[in-house]
N, C-alpha and C. Protein backbone atom coordinates (compact mmCIF):
# COMPACT_ATOMS: atom_id res chain seq x y z
N MET A 1 14.40 -58.47 -4.99
CA MET A 1 14.72 -57.52 -3.95
C MET A 1 14.72 -56.09 -4.51
N MET A 2 15.38 -55.92 -5.64
CA MET A 2 15.46 -54.60 -6.26
C MET A 2 14.07 -54.13 -6.68
N ARG A 3 13.28 -55.06 -7.19
CA ARG A 3 11.93 -54.72 -7.63
C ARG A 3 11.07 -54.28 -6.46
N ALA A 4 11.18 -54.94 -5.32
CA ALA A 4 10.41 -54.58 -4.13
C ALA A 4 10.81 -53.19 -3.63
N ALA A 5 12.09 -52.87 -3.66
CA ALA A 5 12.57 -51.56 -3.23
C ALA A 5 12.06 -50.47 -4.16
N MET A 6 12.04 -50.78 -5.47
CA MET A 6 11.56 -49.81 -6.45
C MET A 6 10.07 -49.57 -6.28
N MET A 7 9.31 -50.62 -6.03
CA MET A 7 7.87 -50.49 -5.82
C MET A 7 7.59 -49.66 -4.56
N THR A 8 8.39 -49.87 -3.53
CA THR A 8 8.22 -49.12 -2.29
C THR A 8 8.46 -47.64 -2.55
N CYS A 9 9.49 -47.30 -3.32
CA CYS A 9 9.77 -45.90 -3.65
C CYS A 9 8.63 -45.29 -4.47
N VAL A 10 8.13 -46.03 -5.45
CA VAL A 10 7.04 -45.53 -6.29
C VAL A 10 5.80 -45.28 -5.44
N LEU A 11 5.47 -46.21 -4.57
CA LEU A 11 4.30 -46.03 -3.70
C LEU A 11 4.49 -44.86 -2.75
N ALA A 12 5.68 -44.68 -2.23
CA ALA A 12 5.95 -43.56 -1.33
C ALA A 12 5.79 -42.23 -2.07
N LEU A 13 6.28 -42.16 -3.30
CA LEU A 13 6.14 -40.94 -4.09
C LEU A 13 4.69 -40.66 -4.43
N MET A 14 3.95 -41.70 -4.76
CA MET A 14 2.54 -41.52 -5.07
C MET A 14 1.77 -41.03 -3.85
N ALA A 15 2.09 -41.56 -2.70
CA ALA A 15 1.42 -41.13 -1.46
C ALA A 15 1.75 -39.68 -1.15
N ALA A 16 2.98 -39.27 -1.41
CA ALA A 16 3.38 -37.90 -1.13
C ALA A 16 2.69 -36.91 -2.06
N CYS A 17 2.38 -37.35 -3.27
CA CYS A 17 1.76 -36.47 -4.25
C CYS A 17 0.24 -36.47 -4.18
N ALA A 18 -0.32 -37.40 -3.45
CA ALA A 18 -1.78 -37.51 -3.39
C ALA A 18 -2.37 -36.24 -2.79
N ALA A 19 -3.42 -35.76 -3.40
CA ALA A 19 -4.07 -34.54 -2.91
C ALA A 19 -4.94 -34.88 -1.72
N GLY A 20 -4.86 -34.04 -0.72
CA GLY A 20 -5.71 -34.20 0.46
C GLY A 20 -7.07 -33.60 0.19
N PRO A 21 -7.93 -33.60 1.17
CA PRO A 21 -9.25 -33.01 0.97
C PRO A 21 -9.14 -31.51 0.77
N ASP A 22 -10.07 -30.95 0.00
CA ASP A 22 -10.08 -29.51 -0.22
C ASP A 22 -10.33 -28.81 1.11
N PRO A 23 -9.61 -27.73 1.36
CA PRO A 23 -9.86 -27.01 2.60
C PRO A 23 -11.25 -26.38 2.57
N ALA A 24 -11.84 -26.26 3.72
CA ALA A 24 -13.17 -25.65 3.81
C ALA A 24 -13.07 -24.19 3.42
N PRO A 25 -14.08 -23.66 2.73
CA PRO A 25 -14.04 -22.25 2.36
C PRO A 25 -14.03 -21.38 3.61
N ALA A 26 -13.32 -20.28 3.52
CA ALA A 26 -13.21 -19.38 4.67
C ALA A 26 -14.58 -18.78 4.99
N GLU A 27 -14.98 -18.89 6.22
CA GLU A 27 -16.23 -18.30 6.67
C GLU A 27 -15.96 -16.83 7.00
N PRO A 28 -16.91 -15.97 6.71
CA PRO A 28 -16.69 -14.58 7.07
C PRO A 28 -16.64 -14.43 8.59
N ALA A 29 -15.81 -13.52 9.06
CA ALA A 29 -15.72 -13.26 10.49
C ALA A 29 -17.05 -12.72 10.99
N ASN A 30 -17.78 -12.04 10.13
CA ASN A 30 -19.07 -11.47 10.47
C ASN A 30 -20.06 -11.95 9.42
N PRO A 31 -21.11 -12.66 9.82
CA PRO A 31 -22.07 -13.18 8.82
C PRO A 31 -22.80 -12.08 8.04
N ALA A 32 -22.72 -10.84 8.48
CA ALA A 32 -23.35 -9.74 7.76
C ALA A 32 -22.46 -9.22 6.64
N LEU A 33 -21.28 -9.84 6.47
CA LEU A 33 -20.35 -9.45 5.42
C LEU A 33 -20.08 -10.64 4.52
N PRO A 34 -19.71 -10.41 3.26
CA PRO A 34 -19.39 -11.53 2.37
C PRO A 34 -18.09 -12.22 2.79
N ALA A 35 -17.97 -13.51 2.46
CA ALA A 35 -16.71 -14.23 2.68
C ALA A 35 -15.63 -13.55 1.85
N LEU A 36 -14.40 -13.61 2.32
CA LEU A 36 -13.31 -12.93 1.61
C LEU A 36 -13.20 -13.37 0.16
N THR A 37 -13.49 -14.63 -0.11
CA THR A 37 -13.40 -15.12 -1.49
C THR A 37 -14.51 -14.55 -2.36
N GLU A 38 -15.56 -14.00 -1.74
CA GLU A 38 -16.69 -13.44 -2.48
C GLU A 38 -16.75 -11.92 -2.37
N ASP A 39 -15.76 -11.31 -1.74
CA ASP A 39 -15.76 -9.87 -1.51
C ASP A 39 -15.20 -9.14 -2.72
N THR A 40 -16.00 -9.06 -3.77
CA THR A 40 -15.57 -8.45 -5.02
C THR A 40 -15.73 -6.94 -5.03
N CYS A 41 -16.37 -6.39 -3.99
CA CYS A 41 -16.63 -4.96 -3.95
C CYS A 41 -15.93 -4.25 -2.80
N GLY A 42 -15.20 -4.97 -1.97
CA GLY A 42 -14.51 -4.36 -0.84
C GLY A 42 -15.37 -4.15 0.38
N ALA A 43 -16.49 -4.86 0.48
CA ALA A 43 -17.42 -4.68 1.59
C ALA A 43 -16.78 -4.97 2.95
N SER A 44 -15.82 -5.88 3.00
CA SER A 44 -15.22 -6.24 4.29
C SER A 44 -14.49 -5.05 4.92
N MET A 45 -14.12 -4.07 4.13
CA MET A 45 -13.45 -2.88 4.66
C MET A 45 -14.41 -1.99 5.45
N TYR A 46 -15.72 -2.22 5.30
CA TYR A 46 -16.72 -1.38 5.93
C TYR A 46 -17.47 -2.11 7.05
N GLY A 47 -16.93 -3.19 7.55
CA GLY A 47 -17.58 -3.98 8.59
C GLY A 47 -17.90 -3.20 9.84
N GLU A 48 -17.08 -2.20 10.17
CA GLU A 48 -17.33 -1.42 11.38
C GLU A 48 -18.58 -0.56 11.29
N LEU A 49 -19.16 -0.44 10.09
CA LEU A 49 -20.37 0.36 9.91
C LEU A 49 -21.63 -0.39 10.32
N ILE A 50 -21.55 -1.70 10.43
CA ILE A 50 -22.74 -2.48 10.81
C ILE A 50 -23.15 -2.08 12.22
N GLY A 51 -24.42 -1.73 12.37
CA GLY A 51 -24.95 -1.27 13.64
C GLY A 51 -24.96 0.25 13.76
N ARG A 52 -24.44 0.95 12.74
CA ARG A 52 -24.42 2.41 12.75
C ARG A 52 -25.48 2.94 11.79
N PRO A 53 -25.84 4.21 11.91
CA PRO A 53 -26.84 4.81 11.01
C PRO A 53 -26.35 4.83 9.56
N ILE A 54 -27.25 4.57 8.65
CA ILE A 54 -26.89 4.55 7.24
C ILE A 54 -26.52 5.94 6.73
N THR A 55 -26.95 6.98 7.44
CA THR A 55 -26.63 8.34 7.05
C THR A 55 -25.43 8.88 7.82
N GLY A 56 -24.80 8.04 8.60
CA GLY A 56 -23.69 8.48 9.45
C GLY A 56 -22.40 8.71 8.68
N PRO A 57 -21.40 9.28 9.37
CA PRO A 57 -20.11 9.54 8.74
C PRO A 57 -19.40 8.24 8.37
N GLY A 58 -18.71 8.26 7.25
CA GLY A 58 -17.95 7.11 6.80
C GLY A 58 -18.73 6.13 5.95
N VAL A 59 -20.04 6.31 5.85
CA VAL A 59 -20.86 5.42 5.02
C VAL A 59 -20.78 5.94 3.58
N PRO A 60 -20.34 5.09 2.65
CA PRO A 60 -20.25 5.55 1.26
C PRO A 60 -21.60 6.04 0.75
N GLY A 61 -21.56 7.12 0.00
CA GLY A 61 -22.79 7.66 -0.58
C GLY A 61 -23.26 6.85 -1.76
N GLU A 62 -24.45 7.16 -2.21
CA GLU A 62 -25.01 6.50 -3.39
C GLU A 62 -24.15 6.83 -4.61
N SER A 63 -23.88 5.82 -5.40
CA SER A 63 -23.16 6.01 -6.65
C SER A 63 -23.46 4.83 -7.55
N ARG A 64 -22.79 4.78 -8.65
CA ARG A 64 -22.99 3.66 -9.59
C ARG A 64 -22.63 2.33 -8.94
N PHE A 65 -21.64 2.34 -8.03
CA PHE A 65 -21.18 1.10 -7.42
C PHE A 65 -21.47 1.02 -5.93
N ASN A 66 -22.31 1.90 -5.41
CA ASN A 66 -22.76 1.83 -4.02
C ASN A 66 -24.25 2.11 -3.99
N ARG A 67 -24.98 1.31 -3.23
CA ARG A 67 -26.38 1.65 -3.06
C ARG A 67 -26.80 1.38 -1.62
N ARG A 68 -27.59 2.31 -1.12
CA ARG A 68 -28.14 2.21 0.22
C ARG A 68 -29.55 1.66 0.09
N ILE A 69 -29.81 0.59 0.82
CA ILE A 69 -31.09 -0.10 0.68
C ILE A 69 -31.80 -0.11 2.03
N LEU A 70 -32.95 0.53 2.07
CA LEU A 70 -33.84 0.53 3.24
C LEU A 70 -35.06 -0.31 2.90
N PRO A 71 -35.84 -0.75 3.89
CA PRO A 71 -37.06 -1.51 3.58
C PRO A 71 -37.94 -0.69 2.62
N GLY A 72 -38.41 -1.34 1.58
CA GLY A 72 -39.25 -0.68 0.59
C GLY A 72 -38.49 -0.03 -0.55
N THR A 73 -37.17 0.04 -0.46
CA THR A 73 -36.37 0.61 -1.55
C THR A 73 -36.42 -0.33 -2.74
N GLN A 74 -36.73 0.22 -3.91
CA GLN A 74 -36.74 -0.60 -5.11
C GLN A 74 -35.32 -0.69 -5.65
N VAL A 75 -34.88 -1.92 -5.90
CA VAL A 75 -33.54 -2.14 -6.45
C VAL A 75 -33.64 -3.10 -7.62
N THR A 76 -32.70 -2.97 -8.54
CA THR A 76 -32.66 -3.90 -9.66
C THR A 76 -32.12 -5.24 -9.16
N MET A 77 -32.44 -6.30 -9.86
CA MET A 77 -32.02 -7.64 -9.46
C MET A 77 -30.77 -8.10 -10.21
N ASP A 78 -30.21 -7.24 -11.06
CA ASP A 78 -28.99 -7.63 -11.78
C ASP A 78 -27.83 -7.72 -10.80
N TYR A 79 -26.91 -8.63 -11.09
CA TYR A 79 -25.76 -8.84 -10.23
C TYR A 79 -24.56 -8.12 -10.80
N VAL A 80 -24.02 -7.17 -10.04
CA VAL A 80 -22.83 -6.42 -10.42
C VAL A 80 -21.79 -6.68 -9.33
N PRO A 81 -20.80 -7.54 -9.60
CA PRO A 81 -19.85 -7.94 -8.56
C PRO A 81 -19.15 -6.77 -7.86
N GLN A 82 -18.93 -5.67 -8.56
CA GLN A 82 -18.21 -4.54 -7.98
C GLN A 82 -19.12 -3.62 -7.16
N ARG A 83 -20.42 -3.86 -7.20
CA ARG A 83 -21.36 -2.97 -6.51
C ARG A 83 -21.53 -3.40 -5.05
N MET A 84 -21.50 -2.42 -4.14
CA MET A 84 -21.70 -2.68 -2.72
C MET A 84 -23.12 -2.29 -2.33
N ASN A 85 -23.80 -3.21 -1.66
CA ASN A 85 -25.15 -2.97 -1.17
C ASN A 85 -25.07 -2.77 0.34
N ILE A 86 -25.51 -1.62 0.81
CA ILE A 86 -25.53 -1.31 2.23
C ILE A 86 -26.99 -1.38 2.66
N GLU A 87 -27.33 -2.43 3.40
CA GLU A 87 -28.73 -2.68 3.76
C GLU A 87 -28.99 -2.28 5.21
N ALA A 88 -30.06 -1.51 5.40
CA ALA A 88 -30.42 -1.02 6.73
C ALA A 88 -31.85 -1.44 7.07
N ASN A 89 -32.17 -1.40 8.36
CA ASN A 89 -33.53 -1.72 8.80
C ASN A 89 -34.39 -0.45 8.74
N ALA A 90 -35.64 -0.55 9.20
CA ALA A 90 -36.57 0.57 9.12
C ALA A 90 -36.12 1.78 9.93
N GLN A 91 -35.29 1.55 10.94
CA GLN A 91 -34.76 2.65 11.74
C GLN A 91 -33.51 3.29 11.11
N GLY A 92 -33.07 2.76 9.98
CA GLY A 92 -31.91 3.31 9.29
C GLY A 92 -30.58 2.82 9.83
N VAL A 93 -30.60 1.70 10.55
CA VAL A 93 -29.38 1.12 11.12
C VAL A 93 -28.87 0.03 10.16
N ILE A 94 -27.60 0.12 9.80
CA ILE A 94 -27.00 -0.84 8.85
C ILE A 94 -26.99 -2.23 9.47
N GLU A 95 -27.54 -3.19 8.75
CA GLU A 95 -27.57 -4.59 9.20
C GLU A 95 -26.68 -5.51 8.39
N LYS A 96 -26.42 -5.13 7.14
CA LYS A 96 -25.72 -6.04 6.24
C LYS A 96 -25.06 -5.24 5.13
N ILE A 97 -23.85 -5.70 4.73
CA ILE A 97 -23.16 -5.09 3.59
C ILE A 97 -22.73 -6.22 2.68
N THR A 98 -23.21 -6.21 1.45
CA THR A 98 -22.93 -7.29 0.51
C THR A 98 -22.46 -6.73 -0.83
N CYS A 99 -21.96 -7.63 -1.65
CA CYS A 99 -21.59 -7.27 -3.02
C CYS A 99 -22.67 -7.74 -3.97
N GLY A 100 -22.84 -7.06 -5.07
CA GLY A 100 -23.79 -7.49 -6.08
C GLY A 100 -24.68 -6.40 -6.49
């Protein structure tokens, strides 16, 4: 009897400690922005710029950690987590903001 009660307690404790499935990674609220877990450059703070002119107010200027990318713009392929890429279409309208 005592052994059965002890086994029941051990099994209950093991069940309580068992890890559940990993939670799904957070999806970005806007697919044109990186997921929060991948937002190493702060791009999510600039989400309101999507759909606005790349030369408009509030758009960060070119710098070591910001680059404006239009069709045909030559960019390096190196990955810099702190660098923000502001990508626009041929009309100069921001379509995507990413890190790297």
